Amino acid sequence: MQYLLLIYSNEKEWYSQPDKDKEAIHARYGSLIGEIGKTGNFKGGNELQPTSTASTVRVRNAKVTITDGPFAETKEQLGGYFLIEAENLDEATAIAARIPDAETGSIEVRPIVIRG
């Protein structure tokens, strides 16, 4: 079964860190991706641009409204995702717990609906 691991963290804290700390975290991500890639669990993933680059689209009564920024103000912002293959929710959450941002933010684990 496929799962989307949504990686939430405090964007302001991330950008305020020294470059050497960010590089160390990126290295941890690289190691994790390499490990779960070898096992066949990793299917894809990306870091997202800052929320300041986001646009939110709504359609109400056939009228399209586009606003700058994310949908809601929160302490943690969606910063990236992993698409993984796992036998079950237990395996998916075990992988999610290994994501570096789980230590300071949160990882939402969502099963993918596959139709057909």
N, C-alpha and C. Protein backbone atom coordinates (compact mmCIF):
# COMPACT_ATOMS: atom_id res chain seq x y z
N MET A 1 0.84 -1.17 0.00
CA MET A 1 0.00 0.00 0.00
C MET A 1 0.89 1.24 0.00
N GLN A 2 0.44 2.28 -0.69
CA GLN A 2 1.20 3.52 -0.72
C GLN A 2 0.66 4.49 0.33
N TYR A 3 1.60 5.25 0.89
CA TYR A 3 1.28 6.27 1.89
C TYR A 3 1.98 7.57 1.51
N LEU A 4 1.32 8.69 1.79
CA LEU A 4 1.95 9.98 1.65
C LEU A 4 2.30 10.46 3.05
N LEU A 5 3.58 10.76 3.26
CA LEU A 5 4.05 11.27 4.53
C LEU A 5 4.23 12.77 4.37
N LEU A 6 3.35 13.54 4.98
CA LEU A 6 3.36 15.00 4.86
C LEU A 6 4.21 15.56 6.00
N ILE A 7 5.23 16.29 5.65
CA ILE A 7 6.24 16.75 6.60
C ILE A 7 5.94 18.20 6.99
N TYR A 8 5.59 18.40 8.25
CA TYR A 8 5.27 19.73 8.77
C TYR A 8 6.37 20.18 9.73
N SER A 9 6.78 21.43 9.58
CA SER A 9 7.78 21.99 10.49
C SER A 9 7.57 23.50 10.57
N ASN A 10 8.28 24.12 11.51
CA ASN A 10 8.18 25.55 11.68
C ASN A 10 9.12 26.22 10.69
N GLU A 11 8.54 26.81 9.67
CA GLU A 11 9.31 27.41 8.58
C GLU A 11 10.24 28.53 9.07
N LYS A 12 9.77 29.36 9.98
CA LYS A 12 10.60 30.46 10.49
C LYS A 12 11.83 29.92 11.22
N GLU A 13 11.65 28.86 12.00
CA GLU A 13 12.80 28.25 12.70
C GLU A 13 13.78 27.66 11.69
N TRP A 14 13.27 27.02 10.65
CA TRP A 14 14.14 26.42 9.64
C TRP A 14 15.04 27.48 8.99
N TYR A 15 14.43 28.57 8.55
CA TYR A 15 15.20 29.59 7.83
C TYR A 15 16.11 30.41 8.75
N SER A 16 15.89 30.33 10.05
CA SER A 16 16.75 31.07 10.98
C SER A 16 17.97 30.24 11.42
N GLN A 17 18.01 28.97 11.06
CA GLN A 17 19.14 28.11 11.44
C GLN A 17 20.39 28.45 10.63
N PRO A 18 21.56 28.24 11.24
CA PRO A 18 22.80 28.41 10.47
C PRO A 18 22.86 27.40 9.32
N ASP A 19 23.53 27.78 8.24
CA ASP A 19 23.64 26.91 7.07
C ASP A 19 24.22 25.54 7.42
N LYS A 20 25.18 25.49 8.33
CA LYS A 20 25.79 24.19 8.67
C LYS A 20 24.78 23.25 9.33
N ASP A 21 23.84 23.80 10.09
CA ASP A 21 22.80 22.98 10.69
C ASP A 21 21.83 22.46 9.63
N LYS A 22 21.48 23.32 8.68
CA LYS A 22 20.60 22.90 7.58
C LYS A 22 21.28 21.81 6.74
N GLU A 23 22.57 21.98 6.48
CA GLU A 23 23.31 20.97 5.70
C GLU A 23 23.32 19.63 6.42
N ALA A 24 23.46 19.65 7.74
CA ALA A 24 23.45 18.40 8.51
C ALA A 24 22.09 17.71 8.42
N ILE A 25 21.02 18.48 8.49
CA ILE A 25 19.68 17.91 8.37
C ILE A 25 19.46 17.37 6.96
N HIS A 26 19.90 18.11 5.94
CA HIS A 26 19.78 17.61 4.57
C HIS A 26 20.55 16.31 4.40
N ALA A 27 21.70 16.19 5.04
CA ALA A 27 22.48 14.95 4.96
C ALA A 27 21.71 13.80 5.60
N ARG A 28 21.04 14.06 6.71
CA ARG A 28 20.22 13.02 7.35
C ARG A 28 19.09 12.58 6.43
N TYR A 29 18.46 13.55 5.78
CA TYR A 29 17.40 13.21 4.81
C TYR A 29 17.97 12.35 3.69
N GLY A 30 19.14 12.73 3.17
CA GLY A 30 19.76 11.96 2.10
C GLY A 30 20.05 10.53 2.52
N SER A 31 20.54 10.35 3.73
CA SER A 31 20.81 9.00 4.24
C SER A 31 19.52 8.19 4.35
N LEU A 32 18.48 8.81 4.90
CA LEU A 32 17.21 8.10 5.05
C LEU A 32 16.64 7.72 3.68
N ILE A 33 16.66 8.64 2.74
CA ILE A 33 16.15 8.34 1.40
C ILE A 33 16.94 7.20 0.77
N GLY A 34 18.26 7.21 0.95
CA GLY A 34 19.08 6.13 0.44
C GLY A 34 18.71 4.79 1.05
N GLU A 35 18.52 4.78 2.37
CA GLU A 35 18.18 3.53 3.07
C GLU A 35 16.82 2.99 2.64
N ILE A 36 15.80 3.85 2.64
CA ILE A 36 14.46 3.34 2.29
C ILE A 36 14.30 3.18 0.77
N GLY A 37 15.19 3.76 0.02
CA GLY A 37 15.22 3.51 -1.41
C GLY A 37 15.71 2.11 -1.71
N LYS A 38 16.73 1.68 -0.96
CA LYS A 38 17.27 0.32 -1.16
C LYS A 38 16.26 -0.76 -0.81
N THR A 39 15.38 -0.49 0.17
CA THR A 39 14.38 -1.47 0.57
C THR A 39 13.14 -1.44 -0.32
N GLY A 40 13.07 -0.44 -1.22
CA GLY A 40 11.92 -0.33 -2.11
C GLY A 40 10.77 0.47 -1.52
N ASN A 41 10.95 1.00 -0.31
CA ASN A 41 9.87 1.77 0.31
C ASN A 41 9.72 3.17 -0.28
N PHE A 42 10.82 3.80 -0.68
CA PHE A 42 10.78 5.18 -1.14
C PHE A 42 10.35 5.23 -2.60
N LYS A 43 9.27 5.97 -2.87
CA LYS A 43 8.76 6.11 -4.23
C LYS A 43 8.97 7.51 -4.78
N GLY A 44 9.14 8.49 -3.91
CA GLY A 44 9.36 9.85 -4.35
C GLY A 44 9.19 10.82 -3.20
N GLY A 45 9.55 12.05 -3.45
CA GLY A 45 9.38 13.07 -2.43
C GLY A 45 10.11 14.33 -2.83
N ASN A 46 9.72 15.43 -2.22
CA ASN A 46 10.34 16.71 -2.50
C ASN A 46 10.18 17.65 -1.33
N GLU A 47 11.13 18.57 -1.21
CA GLU A 47 11.00 19.69 -0.32
C GLU A 47 10.19 20.75 -1.07
N LEU A 48 9.37 21.49 -0.35
CA LEU A 48 8.56 22.53 -0.98
C LEU A 48 9.19 23.91 -0.78
N GLN A 49 8.90 24.81 -1.68
CA GLN A 49 9.32 26.20 -1.54
C GLN A 49 8.60 26.79 -0.32
N PRO A 50 9.07 27.92 0.21
CA PRO A 50 8.43 28.53 1.38
C PRO A 50 6.96 28.89 1.12
N THR A 51 6.20 28.99 2.20
CA THR A 51 4.78 29.31 2.07
C THR A 51 4.56 30.67 1.43
N SER A 52 5.55 31.54 1.48
CA SER A 52 5.41 32.85 0.85
C SER A 52 5.27 32.74 -0.67
N THR A 53 5.62 31.60 -1.23
CA THR A 53 5.49 31.38 -2.68
C THR A 53 4.18 30.69 -3.05
N ALA A 54 3.38 30.33 -2.05
CA ALA A 54 2.15 29.56 -2.28
C ALA A 54 1.00 30.45 -2.74
N SER A 55 0.08 29.82 -3.43
CA SER A 55 -1.19 30.44 -3.79
C SER A 55 -2.29 29.46 -3.40
N THR A 56 -3.42 29.99 -2.95
CA THR A 56 -4.56 29.16 -2.60
C THR A 56 -5.69 29.49 -3.58
N VAL A 57 -6.27 28.45 -4.17
CA VAL A 57 -7.33 28.60 -5.15
C VAL A 57 -8.64 28.08 -4.56
N ARG A 58 -9.68 28.87 -4.68
CA ARG A 58 -11.01 28.46 -4.25
C ARG A 58 -12.00 28.76 -5.38
N VAL A 59 -12.97 27.87 -5.56
CA VAL A 59 -14.05 28.12 -6.51
C VAL A 59 -15.36 28.04 -5.72
N ARG A 60 -16.09 29.14 -5.71
CA ARG A 60 -17.38 29.21 -5.02
C ARG A 60 -18.39 29.81 -5.99
N ASN A 61 -19.47 29.09 -6.21
CA ASN A 61 -20.51 29.56 -7.13
C ASN A 61 -19.91 29.94 -8.49
N ALA A 62 -19.02 29.08 -8.98
CA ALA A 62 -18.35 29.24 -10.28
C ALA A 62 -17.42 30.43 -10.34
N LYS A 63 -17.13 31.07 -9.22
CA LYS A 63 -16.20 32.20 -9.19
C LYS A 63 -14.87 31.72 -8.59
N VAL A 64 -13.78 31.94 -9.33
CA VAL A 64 -12.45 31.54 -8.90
C VAL A 64 -11.80 32.68 -8.12
N THR A 65 -11.30 32.36 -6.93
CA THR A 65 -10.56 33.32 -6.12
C THR A 65 -9.18 32.74 -5.86
N ILE A 66 -8.15 33.54 -6.10
CA ILE A 66 -6.77 33.11 -5.86
C ILE A 66 -6.17 34.08 -4.85
N THR A 67 -5.67 33.54 -3.75
CA THR A 67 -5.03 34.37 -2.74
C THR A 67 -3.59 33.92 -2.53
N ASP A 68 -2.77 34.85 -2.10
CA ASP A 68 -1.38 34.53 -1.81
C ASP A 68 -1.30 33.77 -0.49
N GLY A 69 -0.33 32.88 -0.43
CA GLY A 69 -0.03 32.20 0.81
C GLY A 69 -0.84 30.95 1.03
N PRO A 70 -0.56 30.30 2.15
CA PRO A 70 -1.24 29.04 2.48
C PRO A 70 -2.68 29.29 2.94
N PHE A 71 -3.41 28.24 3.04
CA PHE A 71 -4.83 28.30 3.41
C PHE A 71 -5.03 28.81 4.83
N ALA A 72 -4.18 28.41 5.77
CA ALA A 72 -4.40 28.76 7.18
C ALA A 72 -3.09 29.15 7.86
N GLU A 73 -3.21 29.99 8.86
CA GLU A 73 -2.06 30.33 9.71
C GLU A 73 -1.89 29.24 10.75
N THR A 74 -0.71 28.66 10.79
CA THR A 74 -0.42 27.64 11.78
C THR A 74 1.02 27.79 12.23
N LYS A 75 1.37 27.11 13.33
CA LYS A 75 2.76 27.14 13.81
C LYS A 75 3.66 26.31 12.90
N GLU A 76 3.10 25.24 12.34
CA GLU A 76 3.87 24.37 11.45
C GLU A 76 3.30 24.46 10.04
N GLN A 77 4.20 24.45 9.06
CA GLN A 77 3.79 24.54 7.67
C GLN A 77 4.21 23.26 6.94
N LEU A 78 3.47 22.92 5.90
CA LEU A 78 3.82 21.79 5.06
C LEU A 78 5.10 22.15 4.32
N GLY A 79 6.16 21.40 4.57
CA GLY A 79 7.46 21.72 3.99
C GLY A 79 7.95 20.72 2.97
N GLY A 80 7.27 19.58 2.88
CA GLY A 80 7.68 18.56 1.94
C GLY A 80 6.89 17.29 2.14
N TYR A 81 7.25 16.27 1.37
CA TYR A 81 6.53 15.00 1.46
C TYR A 81 7.40 13.86 0.97
N PHE A 82 7.07 12.67 1.45
CA PHE A 82 7.60 11.42 0.92
C PHE A 82 6.41 10.61 0.44
N LEU A 83 6.54 9.97 -0.69
CA LEU A 83 5.60 8.95 -1.14
C LEU A 83 6.31 7.63 -0.91
N ILE A 84 5.68 6.76 -0.11
CA ILE A 84 6.33 5.48 0.21
C ILE A 84 5.41 4.30 -0.07
N GLU A 85 6.00 3.15 -0.14
CA GLU A 85 5.30 1.87 -0.22
C GLU A 85 5.56 1.18 1.11
N ALA A 86 4.51 0.72 1.77
CA ALA A 86 4.66 0.02 3.04
C ALA A 86 3.64 -1.11 3.12
N GLU A 87 3.98 -2.14 3.87
CA GLU A 87 3.07 -3.28 4.03
C GLU A 87 1.80 -2.88 4.76
N ASN A 88 1.94 -1.96 5.74
CA ASN A 88 0.80 -1.58 6.57
C ASN A 88 1.10 -0.26 7.26
N LEU A 89 0.13 0.20 8.04
CA LEU A 89 0.27 1.48 8.74
C LEU A 89 1.44 1.45 9.74
N ASP A 90 1.65 0.31 10.38
CA ASP A 90 2.77 0.21 11.33
C ASP A 90 4.11 0.47 10.64
N GLU A 91 4.31 -0.12 9.47
CA GLU A 91 5.56 0.11 8.75
C GLU A 91 5.65 1.56 8.28
N ALA A 92 4.53 2.12 7.83
CA ALA A 92 4.52 3.51 7.36
C ALA A 92 4.85 4.47 8.50
N THR A 93 4.28 4.26 9.68
CA THR A 93 4.56 5.16 10.80
C THR A 93 5.98 4.97 11.32
N ALA A 94 6.53 3.77 11.20
CA ALA A 94 7.92 3.54 11.60
C ALA A 94 8.86 4.32 10.68
N ILE A 95 8.57 4.36 9.40
CA ILE A 95 9.37 5.16 8.47
C ILE A 95 9.19 6.64 8.79
N ALA A 96 7.95 7.07 9.03
CA ALA A 96 7.68 8.47 9.35
C ALA A 96 8.47 8.92 10.58
N ALA A 97 8.61 8.05 11.56
CA ALA A 97 9.34 8.38 12.79
C ALA A 97 10.82 8.61 12.53
N ARG A 98 11.33 8.12 11.42
CA ARG A 98 12.75 8.28 11.08
C ARG A 98 13.03 9.58 10.34
N ILE A 99 12.00 10.28 9.91
CA ILE A 99 12.18 11.55 9.19
C ILE A 99 12.69 12.60 10.17
N PRO A 100 13.78 13.28 9.83
CA PRO A 100 14.37 14.23 10.77
C PRO A 100 13.41 15.27 11.34
N ASP A 101 12.49 15.79 10.54
CA ASP A 101 11.57 16.81 11.04
C ASP A 101 10.54 16.27 12.04
N ALA A 102 10.45 14.96 12.19
CA ALA A 102 9.56 14.41 13.22
C ALA A 102 10.05 14.80 14.62
N GLU A 103 11.33 15.14 14.74
CA GLU A 103 11.90 15.50 16.04
C GLU A 103 11.49 16.89 16.50
N THR A 104 11.15 17.77 15.57
CA THR A 104 10.77 19.14 15.94
C THR A 104 9.41 19.55 15.39
N GLY A 105 8.91 18.83 14.42
CA GLY A 105 7.62 19.13 13.80
C GLY A 105 6.71 17.91 13.90
N SER A 106 6.04 17.59 12.81
CA SER A 106 5.16 16.43 12.79
C SER A 106 5.09 15.86 11.38
N ILE A 107 4.77 14.58 11.32
CA ILE A 107 4.62 13.88 10.05
C ILE A 107 3.21 13.31 10.00
N GLU A 108 2.43 13.74 9.03
CA GLU A 108 1.09 13.19 8.84
C GLU A 108 1.19 12.02 7.87
N VAL A 109 0.66 10.88 8.26
CA VAL A 109 0.72 9.67 7.45
C VAL A 109 -0.68 9.43 6.87
N ARG A 110 -0.78 9.45 5.53
CA ARG A 110 -2.07 9.29 4.87
C ARG A 110 -1.99 8.18 3.83
N PRO A 111 -2.86 7.18 3.93
CA PRO A 111 -2.92 6.15 2.89
C PRO A 111 -3.41 6.76 1.58
N ILE A 112 -2.86 6.28 0.48
CA ILE A 112 -3.24 6.72 -0.86
C ILE A 112 -4.42 5.87 -1.33
N VAL A 113 -5.42 6.50 -1.89
CA VAL A 113 -6.55 5.79 -2.49
C VAL A 113 -6.18 5.45 -3.92
N ILE A 114 -6.22 4.19 -4.24
CA ILE A 114 -5.94 3.74 -5.59
C ILE A 114 -7.23 3.13 -6.15
N ARG A 115 -7.73 3.72 -7.19
CA ARG A 115 -8.97 3.24 -7.81
C ARG A 115 -8.65 2.49 -9.09
N GLY A 116 -9.53 1.52 -9.35
CA GLY A 116 -9.42 0.83 -10.62
C GLY A 116 -8.70 -0.43 -10.59
